[in-house]
Structures are given as structure tokens and as C-alpha cells.
Protein backbone atom coordinates (compact mmCIF):
# COMPACT_ATOMS: atom_id res chain seq x y z
CA MET A 1 -26.29 10.51 19.06
CA ILE A 2 -26.26 8.05 16.17
CA GLU A 3 -29.35 8.36 13.98
CA LYS A 4 -31.98 5.73 14.62
CA ALA A 5 -31.87 2.49 12.63
CA ARG A 6 -35.37 3.02 11.25
CA GLU A 7 -34.12 6.12 9.38
CA VAL A 8 -31.56 4.11 7.41
CA ALA A 9 -32.65 2.09 4.36
CA ASP A 10 -32.43 -1.70 4.54
CA THR A 11 -29.98 -1.93 1.62
CA THR A 12 -27.52 0.58 3.05
CA PRO A 13 -24.09 -1.06 3.44
CA VAL A 14 -22.42 -0.67 6.84
CA ILE A 15 -19.20 -2.02 8.29
CA ILE A 16 -20.27 -4.19 11.23
CA GLY A 17 -16.98 -5.70 12.36
CA VAL A 18 -13.22 -5.31 12.06
CA GLY A 19 -10.45 -7.48 13.42
CA GLN A 20 -6.68 -7.59 13.64
CA CYS A 21 -4.27 -10.30 14.73
CA SER A 22 -0.48 -10.25 15.01
CA GLU A 23 2.47 -11.94 16.65
CA ARG A 24 6.18 -11.24 16.93
CA VAL A 25 8.85 -13.90 16.74
CA GLY A 26 10.38 -14.73 20.12
CA GLU A 27 7.71 -13.18 22.31
CA PRO A 28 6.04 -15.33 25.03
CA THR A 29 2.72 -15.56 23.13
CA TYR A 30 4.35 -16.41 19.78
CA GLU A 31 2.77 -19.46 18.06
CA GLY A 32 4.37 -19.40 14.62
CA LEU A 33 1.01 -19.29 12.82
CA ASN A 34 0.80 -19.63 9.05
CA TYR A 35 -1.07 -16.96 7.15
CA MET A 36 -4.27 -18.98 6.79
CA ASP A 37 -4.39 -19.31 10.59
CA LEU A 38 -3.61 -15.62 11.05
CA GLY A 39 -6.35 -14.70 8.58
CA GLY A 40 -8.81 -16.95 10.40
CA ARG A 41 -7.93 -15.29 13.70
CA ALA A 42 -8.53 -11.80 12.26
CA LEU A 43 -11.86 -12.94 10.81
CA ALA A 44 -12.86 -14.33 14.22
CA GLU A 45 -11.90 -11.02 15.81
CA ALA A 46 -14.06 -9.13 13.29
CA ILE A 47 -17.03 -11.39 14.02
CA ALA A 48 -16.59 -10.88 17.77
CA ASP A 49 -16.17 -7.13 17.24
CA SER A 50 -19.61 -6.93 15.61
CA GLY A 51 -21.31 -7.84 18.89
CA ALA A 52 -23.90 -9.78 16.90
CA ARG A 53 -26.35 -12.12 18.58
CA GLY A 54 -26.74 -14.21 15.42
CA SER A 55 -24.15 -16.12 13.39
CA VAL A 56 -22.19 -13.64 11.29
CA ALA A 57 -20.02 -16.45 9.91
CA GLN A 58 -23.02 -18.24 8.45
CA ALA A 59 -24.37 -14.96 7.05
CA ILE A 60 -21.24 -14.23 4.97
CA ASP A 61 -22.20 -14.80 1.33
CA THR A 62 -19.02 -13.30 -0.17
CA LEU A 63 -15.47 -13.71 1.15
CA ALA A 64 -12.36 -12.26 -0.44
CA ALA A 65 -8.84 -13.24 0.59
CA ILE A 66 -6.18 -10.63 -0.18
CA ARG A 67 -3.34 -12.24 -2.11
CA ALA A 68 -0.30 -12.80 0.13
CA PHE A 69 3.13 -11.59 -1.02
CA GLU A 70 4.46 -15.10 -1.49
CA ILE A 71 1.89 -15.78 -4.21
CA SER A 72 1.78 -12.28 -5.73
CA ARG A 73 4.00 -12.94 -8.75
CA PRO A 74 4.07 -15.69 -11.38
CA GLY A 75 6.57 -18.44 -10.69
CA ARG A 76 6.74 -17.91 -6.95
CA GLU A 77 6.43 -21.12 -4.96
CA PRO A 78 5.40 -20.74 -1.31
CA PRO A 79 8.32 -22.23 0.66
CA PHE A 80 6.09 -24.29 2.96
CA GLY A 81 3.09 -24.76 0.70
CA THR A 82 -0.31 -23.16 1.00
CA ALA A 83 -4.00 -23.97 0.89
CA SER A 84 -5.42 -25.03 -2.46
CA ASN A 85 -8.33 -22.66 -1.79
CA ILE A 86 -7.12 -19.81 0.40
CA PRO A 87 -10.39 -17.87 0.86
CA ARG A 88 -12.28 -20.97 1.88
CA ALA A 89 -9.39 -22.10 4.11
CA MET A 90 -9.67 -18.83 6.04
CA GLY A 91 -13.47 -19.00 6.03
CA ASN A 92 -13.44 -22.59 7.32
CA ARG A 93 -11.62 -21.46 10.43
CA VAL A 94 -14.71 -19.52 11.56
CA GLY A 95 -17.38 -21.76 10.04
CA ALA A 96 -18.08 -19.56 7.02
CA ASN A 97 -19.16 -21.18 3.76
CA PRO A 98 -19.79 -18.26 1.36
CA ALA A 99 -21.53 -18.68 -1.96
CA ARG A 100 -18.76 -16.62 -3.52
CA ALA A 101 -15.09 -16.97 -2.57
CA ILE A 102 -12.38 -14.80 -4.14
CA LEU A 103 -8.58 -14.76 -4.27
CA THR A 104 -7.78 -11.17 -5.18
CA THR A 105 -5.28 -9.46 -7.42
CA THR A 106 -2.04 -7.89 -6.18
CA GLY A 107 -1.92 -4.33 -4.87
CA GLY A 108 -2.16 -2.39 -1.63
CA GLN A 109 -5.28 -0.59 -2.85
CA THR A 110 -7.18 -3.85 -3.37
CA ASN A 111 -8.86 -4.24 0.02
CA GLN A 112 -10.36 -0.74 0.10
CA GLN A 113 -11.40 -0.91 -3.55
CA LEU A 114 -13.10 -4.25 -2.82
CA LEU A 115 -14.91 -2.65 0.10
CA GLY A 116 -16.37 -0.16 -2.36
CA GLU A 117 -17.31 -2.93 -4.78
CA PHE A 118 -18.92 -5.05 -2.07
CA ALA A 119 -20.80 -2.05 -0.67
CA THR A 120 -22.16 -1.40 -4.17
CA ALA A 121 -23.29 -5.03 -4.47
CA ILE A 122 -25.05 -4.81 -1.11
CA ALA A 123 -26.80 -1.58 -2.08
CA ALA A 124 -27.99 -3.33 -5.25
CA SER A 125 -29.31 -6.29 -3.17
CA GLU A 126 -26.81 -8.62 -4.88
CA SER A 127 -25.19 -9.46 -1.54
CA GLN A 128 -26.12 -9.15 2.12
CA CYS A 129 -22.88 -9.76 3.98
CA ALA A 130 -19.29 -9.77 2.72
CA ALA A 131 -15.89 -10.18 4.32
CA ILE A 132 -12.40 -9.10 3.28
CA VAL A 133 -9.46 -10.79 4.99
CA GLY A 134 -5.73 -10.85 4.43
CA ALA A 135 -2.63 -12.04 6.24
CA GLU A 136 1.15 -12.20 6.04
CA ALA A 137 3.49 -14.50 7.95
CA ILE A 138 6.74 -13.32 6.36
CA SER A 139 8.54 -12.92 9.68
CA THR A 140 7.71 -16.48 10.69
CA ALA A 141 8.69 -17.83 7.27
CA LEU A 142 12.10 -16.14 7.53
CA ALA A 143 12.61 -17.45 11.07
CA LEU A 144 11.75 -20.98 9.95
CA ALA A 145 14.10 -20.75 6.99
CA ALA A 146 16.91 -19.53 9.24
CA SER A 147 16.40 -22.47 11.59
CA ARG A 148 16.06 -24.86 8.62
CA GLU A 149 12.63 -25.97 9.73
CA THR A 150 10.23 -27.05 6.99
CA PRO A 151 6.65 -27.19 8.25
CA ASP A 152 3.89 -28.20 5.84
CA TRP A 153 1.42 -25.36 5.39
CA SER A 154 -0.42 -27.02 2.52
CA GLU A 155 -4.13 -27.80 2.76
CA GLU A 156 -6.56 -29.37 0.34
CA ILE A 157 -9.77 -27.38 0.58
CA GLU A 158 -12.91 -28.27 -1.36
CA GLY A 159 -15.16 -25.76 -3.05
CA ASP A 160 -14.91 -23.33 -5.92
CA PHE A 161 -13.32 -19.89 -5.83
CA GLU A 162 -12.58 -17.04 -8.22
CA ASP A 163 -8.88 -16.52 -8.82
CA GLN A 164 -8.70 -12.93 -10.06
CA GLY A 165 -5.08 -13.38 -11.16
CA TYR A 166 -2.02 -11.35 -10.31
CA GLY A 167 -3.23 -8.10 -11.84
CA ILE A 168 0.32 -6.87 -12.42
CA ASP A 169 0.26 -6.18 -16.17
CA LYS A 170 0.23 -2.41 -15.67
CA LEU A 171 3.03 -2.70 -13.12
CA LEU A 172 5.47 -4.07 -15.65
CA GLU A 173 8.24 -1.60 -16.50
CA PRO A 174 10.51 -3.61 -18.86
CA SER A 175 13.08 -0.87 -19.42
CA LEU A 176 13.49 -0.15 -15.72
CA PHE A 177 13.57 -3.83 -14.81
CA GLN A 178 16.28 -4.41 -17.43
CA HIS A 179 18.46 -1.80 -15.73
CA GLY A 180 18.08 -3.17 -12.21
CA ALA A 181 15.07 -1.25 -10.89
CA ILE A 182 13.37 -4.43 -9.80
CA GLY A 183 11.03 -4.20 -6.84
CA ALA A 184 9.46 -1.30 -5.04
CA ILE A 185 12.49 0.22 -3.29
CA PRO A 186 14.49 1.47 -6.33
CA LEU A 187 11.33 2.39 -8.22
CA TYR A 188 10.07 4.59 -5.40
CA ALA A 189 13.58 5.97 -4.93
CA LEU A 190 13.55 7.21 -8.53
CA ALA A 191 10.33 9.13 -7.86
CA GLU A 192 11.59 10.36 -4.49
CA ASN A 193 14.77 11.81 -5.99
CA ALA A 194 12.69 13.53 -8.66
CA ARG A 195 10.81 15.29 -5.87
CA ARG A 196 14.11 16.15 -4.17
CA ALA A 197 15.37 17.69 -7.42
CA LYS A 198 12.19 19.75 -7.75
CA ARG A 199 12.69 21.06 -4.21
CA GLY A 200 16.39 21.73 -4.74
CA MET A 201 17.42 19.79 -1.65
CA SER A 202 20.66 17.95 -0.88
CA LEU A 203 20.62 14.27 0.02
CA ASP A 204 21.28 14.97 3.71
CA ALA A 205 18.62 17.65 3.91
CA TYR A 206 16.08 15.46 2.15
CA ARG A 207 16.79 12.48 4.37
CA LEU A 208 16.13 14.72 7.36
CA GLU A 209 12.84 15.81 5.79
CA ILE A 210 11.87 12.13 5.49
CA GLY A 211 12.89 11.66 9.12
CA ALA A 212 10.74 14.62 10.20
CA LEU A 213 7.78 13.14 8.32
CA PHE A 214 8.16 9.73 9.94
CA GLU A 215 9.14 10.70 13.51
CA PRO A 216 5.45 11.10 14.55
CA PHE A 217 4.66 7.79 12.84
CA THR A 218 7.08 6.01 15.17
CA ARG A 219 5.22 7.37 18.21
CA VAL A 220 1.95 5.94 16.91
CA ALA A 221 3.60 2.58 16.18
CA ALA A 222 5.15 2.47 19.64
CA ALA A 223 1.65 2.62 21.15
CA ASN A 224 0.12 0.05 18.77
CA PRO A 225 0.09 -3.53 20.12
CA HIS A 226 0.07 -4.90 16.55
CA ALA A 227 3.14 -2.95 15.38
CA ALA A 228 6.11 -4.94 14.11
CA ALA A 229 8.62 -2.26 15.23
CA PRO A 230 7.09 -0.43 18.21
CA VAL A 231 10.03 1.90 18.91
CA GLU A 232 9.98 5.71 19.02
CA ARG A 233 12.71 7.32 16.93
CA THR A 234 13.73 10.91 16.25
CA ALA A 235 14.00 12.48 12.81
CA GLU A 236 17.77 12.54 13.25
CA GLU A 237 17.90 8.80 14.06
CA LEU A 238 15.88 8.01 10.96
CA ALA A 239 18.04 10.25 8.77
CA THR A 240 21.50 9.31 10.08
CA ILE A 241 23.31 6.67 8.06
CA THR A 242 24.80 3.94 10.23
CA GLU A 243 25.65 0.28 9.78
CA ARG A 244 22.19 -0.59 11.11
CA ASN A 245 20.48 2.19 9.15
CA ARG A 246 22.33 1.78 5.88
CA ILE A 247 21.35 3.19 2.50
CA VAL A 248 19.22 0.71 0.61
CA SER A 249 18.52 2.90 -2.42
CA GLU A 250 19.29 6.63 -2.48
CA PRO A 251 17.80 8.56 -0.72
CA TYR A 252 16.33 5.83 1.49
CA ALA A 253 17.85 4.61 4.72
CA ARG A 254 16.71 1.16 5.82
CA MET A 255 14.47 2.36 8.66
CA THR A 256 12.39 4.57 6.35
CA VAL A 257 11.14 1.92 3.91
CA ALA A 258 8.20 -0.44 4.32
CA ARG A 259 8.91 -3.24 6.77
CA ASP A 260 7.79 -6.52 5.19
CA GLN A 261 9.00 -8.80 8.02
CA VAL A 262 5.64 -9.02 9.77
CA ASN A 263 3.12 -11.53 11.05
CA GLN A 264 -0.11 -9.58 10.73
CA SER A 265 -3.68 -10.05 9.57
CA ALA A 266 -6.81 -7.93 9.36
CA ALA A 267 -10.43 -8.46 8.36
CA ILE A 268 -13.43 -6.25 7.56
CA ILE A 269 -17.08 -7.36 7.50
CA VAL A 270 -19.69 -5.27 5.69
CA ALA A 271 -23.42 -6.01 5.65
CA SER A 272 -26.71 -4.48 4.66
CA VAL A 273 -28.58 -2.67 7.40
CA ALA A 274 -31.33 -5.31 7.08
CA LYS A 275 -28.82 -8.11 7.68
CA ALA A 276 -27.18 -6.18 10.52
CA ARG A 277 -30.57 -5.85 12.20
CA GLU A 278 -31.35 -9.53 11.60
CA LEU A 279 -28.02 -10.54 13.15
CA GLY A 280 -28.57 -8.29 16.12
CA VAL A 281 -25.54 -6.10 15.50
CA PRO A 282 -25.85 -3.11 17.87
CA GLU A 283 -26.36 0.14 16.03
CA GLU A 284 -23.36 1.74 17.75
CA LYS A 285 -21.19 -0.77 15.89
CA TRP A 286 -22.31 0.39 12.45
CA VAL A 287 -19.85 2.48 10.46
CA HIS A 288 -21.05 4.01 7.22
CA ILE A 289 -19.10 4.13 3.98
CA HIS A 290 -19.46 7.65 2.63
CA ALA A 291 -17.27 7.20 -0.43
CA VAL A 292 -14.73 4.88 -2.01
CA THR A 293 -12.86 5.77 -5.20
CA ALA A 294 -10.19 4.02 -7.24
CA ALA A 295 -7.71 5.38 -9.78
CA THR A 296 -4.85 4.03 -11.90
CA GLU A 297 -1.70 6.00 -12.71
CA LEU A 298 0.40 5.94 -15.86
CA PRO A 299 3.49 3.69 -15.81
CA LEU A 300 6.38 5.40 -14.02
CA MET A 301 8.40 5.72 -17.24
CA GLN A 302 5.57 7.64 -18.90
CA ARG A 303 4.51 10.06 -16.16
CA PRO A 304 4.92 13.71 -17.17
CA ASP A 305 6.18 14.51 -13.67
CA LEU A 306 8.25 11.65 -12.25
CA SER A 307 7.74 12.93 -8.72
CA ALA A 308 3.95 13.14 -8.86
CA CYS A 309 0.93 10.86 -8.80
CA PRO A 310 -2.04 12.91 -10.01
CA ALA A 311 -4.26 9.82 -10.09
CA SER A 312 -3.95 9.49 -6.32
CA ILE A 313 -4.84 13.16 -5.83
CA ALA A 314 -7.85 12.77 -8.12
CA SER A 315 -8.93 9.70 -6.13
CA VAL A 316 -8.76 11.58 -2.82
CA GLU A 317 -10.53 14.65 -4.14
CA ALA A 318 -13.28 12.56 -5.73
CA ALA A 319 -13.89 10.68 -2.47
CA LEU A 320 -14.04 13.87 -0.42
CA THR A 321 -16.37 15.50 -2.95
CA ARG A 322 -18.71 12.51 -2.99
CA ALA A 323 -18.75 12.49 0.81
CA GLY A 324 -19.54 16.22 0.75
CA LYS A 325 -16.51 16.95 2.91
CA GLY A 326 -13.11 18.58 2.74
CA MET A 327 -9.78 17.39 4.09
CA GLU A 328 -10.30 19.78 7.00
CA ASP A 329 -13.41 17.77 7.99
CA MET A 330 -11.45 14.55 8.46
CA ALA A 331 -10.75 14.02 12.16
CA TYR A 332 -8.62 10.95 11.45
CA LEU A 333 -6.17 10.33 8.60
CA ASP A 334 -4.17 7.40 7.33
CA PHE A 335 -2.05 8.09 4.27
CA TYR A 336 -0.40 5.02 2.80
CA SER A 337 3.25 5.25 3.78
CA CYS A 338 5.26 2.42 2.23
CA PHE A 339 7.76 5.19 1.45
CA ALA A 340 7.75 8.90 2.12
CA ILE A 341 6.69 10.12 -1.31
CA PRO A 342 3.09 8.80 -1.34
CA VAL A 343 2.56 10.77 1.86
CA PHE A 344 4.41 13.83 0.58
CA ASN A 345 2.27 13.81 -2.56
CA GLN A 346 -0.87 14.15 -0.47
CA ILE A 347 0.31 16.64 2.12
CA ASP A 348 2.00 18.81 -0.52
CA HIS A 349 -1.26 19.01 -2.45
CA PHE A 350 -3.56 19.57 0.53
CA GLY A 351 -1.23 21.95 2.35
CA LEU A 352 -0.79 19.71 5.39
CA THR A 353 2.30 19.62 7.58
CA VAL A 354 4.28 16.71 9.00
CA ASP A 355 3.16 17.74 12.49
CA ASP A 356 -0.55 18.02 11.66
CA PRO A 357 -2.24 17.64 15.08
CA ARG A 358 -4.50 14.90 13.72
CA GLY A 359 -1.51 12.81 12.72
CA LEU A 360 -1.01 11.31 9.27
CA THR A 361 -1.27 7.65 10.26
CA LEU A 362 -3.63 5.58 12.39
CA THR A 363 -1.40 2.52 12.66
CA GLY A 364 2.17 3.82 12.75
CA GLY A 365 2.79 3.41 9.02
CA LEU A 366 4.37 0.70 6.92
CA PRO A 367 8.01 1.23 8.00
CA PHE A 368 7.10 0.95 11.71
CA PHE A 369 3.70 -0.67 12.14
CA GLY A 370 4.59 -2.97 9.27
CA GLY A 371 3.96 -3.40 5.59
CA ALA A 372 1.53 -6.28 5.73
CA GLY A 373 1.89 -7.13 2.06
CA ASN A 374 -1.14 -6.21 0.00
CA ASN A 375 -3.29 -5.99 3.14
CA TYR A 376 -1.87 -3.03 5.08
CA SER A 377 -4.85 -0.74 4.48
CA ALA A 378 -7.24 -3.26 6.05
CA HIS A 379 -5.41 -2.47 9.28
CA ALA A 380 -5.83 1.25 8.61
CA ILE A 381 -9.56 0.78 7.95
CA ALA A 382 -9.88 -1.28 11.14
CA GLU A 383 -8.28 1.56 13.11
CA ALA A 384 -10.48 4.15 11.36
CA VAL A 385 -13.61 2.18 12.25
CA GLN A 386 -12.64 2.08 15.92
CA ARG A 387 -11.83 5.81 15.97
CA VAL A 388 -15.14 6.97 14.50
CA ARG A 389 -17.09 4.61 16.76
CA GLU A 390 -15.43 6.22 19.78
CA ASP A 391 -15.93 9.72 18.36
CA ALA A 392 -19.50 9.64 17.07
CA ARG A 393 -20.24 11.59 13.90
CA SER A 394 -16.56 12.24 13.21
CA PHE A 395 -15.06 11.36 9.83
CA ALA A 396 -11.98 9.32 8.96
CA PHE A 397 -10.04 9.15 5.70
CA VAL A 398 -7.93 6.20 4.50
CA GLY A 399 -5.71 6.32 1.41
CA ALA A 400 -4.58 2.97 -0.01
CA ASN A 401 -1.74 2.69 -2.53
CA GLY A 402 -0.61 -0.12 -4.84
CA GLY A 403 2.42 -0.75 -7.04
CA TRP A 404 4.85 2.18 -7.31
CA MET A 405 2.18 4.83 -6.87
CA SER A 406 0.44 2.92 -9.65
CA LYS A 407 -3.01 2.49 -8.16
CA TYR A 408 -4.87 4.33 -5.43
CA SER A 409 -8.10 3.90 -3.52
CA SER A 410 -9.60 6.43 -1.13
CA GLY A 411 -12.25 5.88 1.53
CA VAL A 412 -14.29 8.11 3.87
CA TYR A 413 -15.95 6.61 6.97
CA SER A 414 -18.26 7.82 9.75
CA THR A 415 -21.02 6.69 12.09
CA THR A 416 -23.12 9.41 10.44
CA PRO A 417 -25.43 7.60 8.01
CA ALA A 418 -24.68 7.74 4.28
CA ASP A 419 -27.46 7.73 1.70
CA TRP A 420 -26.86 4.83 -0.72
CA SER A 421 -30.25 5.10 -2.45
CA ALA A 422 -28.60 6.16 -5.74
CA ASN A 423 -25.81 3.59 -5.26
CA ASP A 424 -23.20 6.08 -6.49
CA ARG A 425 -20.72 6.24 -3.64
CA PHE A 426 -18.13 3.99 -5.29
CA GLU A 427 -16.36 5.36 -8.36
CA VAL A 428 -13.54 4.17 -10.63
CA LEU A 429 -11.90 7.18 -12.24
CA PRO A 430 -10.77 7.33 -15.89
CA GLU A 431 -7.07 6.94 -16.63
CA ALA A 432 -4.90 9.83 -17.79
CA GLU A 433 -4.05 10.18 -21.48
CA ASP A 434 -0.97 12.41 -21.28
CA ALA A 435 1.66 9.66 -21.32
CA VAL A 436 5.20 10.67 -22.23
CA PRO A 437 6.37 8.67 -25.28
CA LEU A 438 9.19 6.19 -24.81
CA GLY A 439 12.45 6.95 -26.60
CA SER A 440 13.98 5.05 -29.48
CA ALA A 441 16.33 2.13 -28.97
CA GLN A 442 19.30 3.92 -30.56
CA VAL A 443 20.33 7.19 -28.93
CA GLU A 444 23.65 8.87 -28.28
CA LEU A 445 22.78 11.45 -25.62
CA ALA A 446 20.37 11.57 -22.69
CA THR A 447 19.52 14.27 -20.15
CA ILE A 448 19.01 12.98 -16.60
CA GLU A 449 15.65 13.63 -14.92
CA THR A 450 16.09 11.39 -11.88
CA TYR A 451 18.24 8.57 -10.57
CA THR A 452 18.98 6.28 -7.64
CA ILE A 453 21.98 4.30 -6.49
CA HIS A 454 20.58 0.95 -5.49
CA HIS A 455 22.55 -1.21 -3.06
CA THR A 456 22.39 -5.01 -3.11
CA LYS A 457 24.61 -7.85 -1.94
CA LYS A 458 26.28 -7.67 -5.35
CA GLY A 459 27.20 -4.01 -4.89
CA ALA A 460 25.92 -0.59 -5.92
CA GLU A 461 24.20 0.15 -9.23
CA ALA A 462 23.25 3.60 -10.48
CA ILE A 463 19.93 3.71 -12.34
CA TRP A 464 18.67 6.79 -14.16
CA ILE A 465 15.64 7.99 -16.10
CA GLY A 466 16.06 10.70 -18.69
CA ARG A 467 15.06 12.14 -22.04
CA ASP A 468 16.71 11.42 -25.35
CA GLU A 469 17.40 14.11 -27.95
CA SER A 470 13.86 13.88 -29.32
CA GLY A 471 12.23 14.15 -25.88
CA GLY A 472 11.44 10.46 -25.49
CA ARG A 473 11.82 8.75 -22.11
CA MET A 474 14.57 6.23 -21.55
CA ALA A 475 16.24 4.41 -18.66
CA GLY A 476 19.82 3.36 -18.18
CA ASN A 477 22.70 2.65 -15.83
CA ALA A 478 25.52 5.04 -15.04
CA ASP A 479 29.06 3.80 -15.55
CA LEU A 480 30.40 4.04 -12.01
CA ASN A 481 33.80 2.87 -13.20
CA ASP A 482 34.17 6.24 -14.90
CA GLU A 483 35.54 8.62 -12.26
CA ALA A 484 33.72 11.77 -13.40
CA THR A 485 30.41 9.94 -13.76
CA ARG A 486 30.74 8.27 -10.37
CA ALA A 487 31.54 11.60 -8.69
CA VAL A 488 28.41 13.25 -10.08
CA PHE A 489 26.08 10.39 -9.12
CA GLU A 490 27.57 9.76 -5.68
CA GLY A 491 27.45 13.51 -5.08
CA GLY A 492 23.69 13.30 -5.46
CA GLU A 493 23.27 16.04 -8.08
CA PRO A 494 23.21 14.53 -11.59
CA PHE A 495 19.88 16.20 -12.46
CA GLY A 496 19.98 17.94 -15.83
CA ASP A 497 23.40 16.53 -16.73
CA THR A 498 23.98 15.00 -20.15
CA LEU A 499 25.16 11.44 -20.56
CA ARG A 500 26.76 9.88 -23.61
CA VAL A 501 24.95 6.57 -24.04
CA SER A 502 26.28 3.27 -25.36
CA ARG A 503 24.85 -0.24 -25.33
CA ASP A 504 26.50 -3.15 -23.54
CA ASP A 505 26.37 -6.82 -24.51
CA ARG A 506 23.18 -7.24 -22.44
CA GLY A 507 21.40 -4.50 -24.39
CA ARG A 508 21.48 -2.04 -21.49
CA ASN A 509 21.92 1.70 -21.89
CA ILE A 510 25.18 2.68 -20.19
CA GLY A 511 25.69 6.38 -19.58
CA ARG A 512 28.91 8.31 -19.03
CA LEU A 513 29.03 11.98 -18.22
CA ALA A 514 29.38 13.83 -21.51
CA PRO A 515 32.27 16.34 -21.68
CA THR A 516 31.17 19.95 -21.31
CA PRO A 517 31.50 21.72 -24.71
CA GLY A 518 34.56 23.94 -24.88
CA LEU A 519 36.42 22.21 -22.07
């Protein structure tokens, strides 16, 4: 039995509604919706999910729109235009006119962190009802571009809104970018290979370990009506390199990286218990927020252990501690899975296995359910809410990741009431201070810590991170035209080798395998 409403304080924040919307190109129900329309549909689903007798849309005083990928970096122009006021454009589609409208920063942790912030505002009586909504229509945009169609998705929407900016300053890694590690895939691959080196595994063995991790994810995705790739696959299928499952950046095969070609949206509505009662939201719909934490990691180039993300572990442990629970108490789990290593980091630390009977994903994960831009974890939270409603008094955990394991937010949810009287269930953790210093511009030798061979339409490029002679961190490219160097990198075992470093006319560090003394 859920505890009676009268036992829960009026200012307690509760999730009252969640919604998801999706479509796949070419299917009979496909409409080719833009992301404002998709977001509006998800918001409508969340309102309907609440079961309220009153108008939830009119009660929303705060509405945050998660920044879509196409507007997540400076200088990007949406190919078909966009609304001048995205949060209000989505709100307008359900009749919401919030006092506060927000366009968020970039990052996959943003939606869950905002949920913690909005819950805190509700507990402080600064808000009564808030909504978080995000959407991506990348699959439709690509289909339109391929067919050379140019619809007009622009809208002029009146009203003010807070543009929180891109929020990517701490994601900038100039040295890595200079050497071709641009975008998430090669940056995660560098961390993944560092973990492989620590475990002493060959490329083939490690790819199979990734496949074993993700095989159960594919089964969950295959049963999820919102999944972008609902196909069951074996560990061997995921690990075997074929023309269709080519290497994108060692050690990653294409099928094991986040799938951004999606048309997906999700929304979460949180309200005070007093407002939930006023709106007539049935008590069995309430889901309590037991803890939300947020943490920021050091830049990749300055992490003491290139394979690890201690900030994410600290975030999870802090959330569990505040909820008064352990990982063993979580009946439902969703670990952010844009790539394997954010999941490995968690299960390595908590002693979980890839075949944990609870499963490690609620959606099917980003490579199979879909990597809905910055908004994936709203889908995970929506699934968690439904699970704990169906399994009263159970607990669910959601881990949300941003950047290249740069930011992390953790959340614990249950129908069991949470005491918000002290308003201390949302916490932002302090940043680490043990950054590795960057090396000098002029060095002759470097020892390799990790690497990747990144494949693009222009060809393959080997990128490495290492230490100079004074212990400073540096990045560079390997000279694949040098036979000995190419053999070591393509063999997958350059860890600990010494490179002789020179500078090219673009200012890049170019490394060649240094001759072994005495040979």
C-alpha cells in the first residue's frame, strides 16, 4: 500500500506524469514531425499520464526544454530552422504558458539534474509545478536532406525565456581536438582503450566483452515500442567486424556506439503534493524523488586514470547514501550507455555483472533504444517511473551522463514517500583537485598511456595520449606512414611504448616509435 496523502507534506515534490513519443521513418504511422511537435506530443502524453482531473498544462509555472543536438554548439544552424522560443513553442502545443521558460545547457545529465533543481524549488515553495521536455528529430532531418526536401520548421513565438547557453566550456579539450579527437566517439575510445590496457585484454577479447555487456540491452530494446533499433543481437554479432559493423574508432564497432539517428521525445512533470491534490492527480500516480546528485569530472587530458570517472561514482554513492539505500536495494537500474565504458565504470565499482538479473537498462540503451541527444535520460526516468508505480515501494536508480564522462547526475525514485522537510535531497558535489598537469609544448619523447585509431571518410588517424619526460600530459598523432609505428598501433598494443615526437607545419605532435636502446 502507498502511504496516505495526508501523511505527506504539502511542499513535497512528486513526479505526477511522464510521457514519451517516437516515430520511425518509413513506418505506416510516420508523420515526419519536427522536434517541437515531438516535444509537444511527449508533454501531452505526460499530462494524460498524470490522470489529473484539473488542467495540468495551466498549472505548469516552469518549463524547461532540453537543448536539441542541432543547436548544442556555437555556429550550428538548424537545417530547416527552429522556433525562436523553443520552450514556449513546446508549451504552446498543450496550452501551457509558464511564468518561467528555459532553454537548457548541453549535456546528457541535464534533465535529471534539472529535476533535482526543480524539486528543490518546489520544496522551498518557489514553484508548484514544473515540466522538463526534450526531443530529437535527427532521423527525419537526415531523411529530408537525402530526399532534398526543405520544410520550414521556423516559428516566431512571443514571450521571454532564459537561454542558459551551451555550457560546453569544460568540455573543450584543445589539444585533443587539434589532433583529431573531435566528437564523442574518439574521446570515449581513448578512455575505453585505457581500460582495456588496465585489464590486459586484446582488441578482439575486449570487443567481445563489450558485446557481452550489450547483448541483454538489445533484448530490452527489441521489446520497447519507442526503440530506434528494436533488434536482438548476440555478443558475437556485436563484436564481429563486418562491412555493416565496421570499426568507427578502436575498439568500437558501429553497432556498439550511441545511435543518434532517432525521432524521440520525452517529458517529466513534477509538482508539489498540494498542487497534485488540487489537480486531482491520483495518489497511485505519485512517484517520490529520494535523491538527485550532480558531479563534474576533470577534463579527460587531466584525469589521473584515463579509464576512470570517479566523479560519476561519487555521484551514485552520494545519491544512494542520501536515499538511505544501497545498490542492492535498487530493483530497477538504468546506467547511461552511450558507450560501454560509462556502464563498465559503474558495474566494476559496484561489483555487478553484465547478466545482473535486474538488467542494466530500462530502455534498451543508447546504441539500441537510441541516443536521443541530450534528452536520453528523460526516457530512462519515464521508464523508471512506470516500473515503480507497477511495483509499489520498489526503488529505481537512473544514472545520467554528459560530455565524455564529464558530468554525471544520479537519481533514486520510489512510490515510498520521501521526506523533503529539510530540502536536502539534491546535492551538487565538489570538483576534484588532483588534475594531472599538461606537458610543455616542446618535448622529444612521450610514453603512450592510451590511443585510438579513428576512422573517417578521409581515412584512418591514430590519436594517442601520453606523458612527456617530466610527467606532463600530452596528445598527439602517430605517424602511420612509418612501418614500425603503424604495426604497433594497428596491432592494438602500443601501451607503454616510447614515441619520438616532432611537430608538423600545423603544430601537431607527430609520434614515431622510438628505437629500442641497444638495437
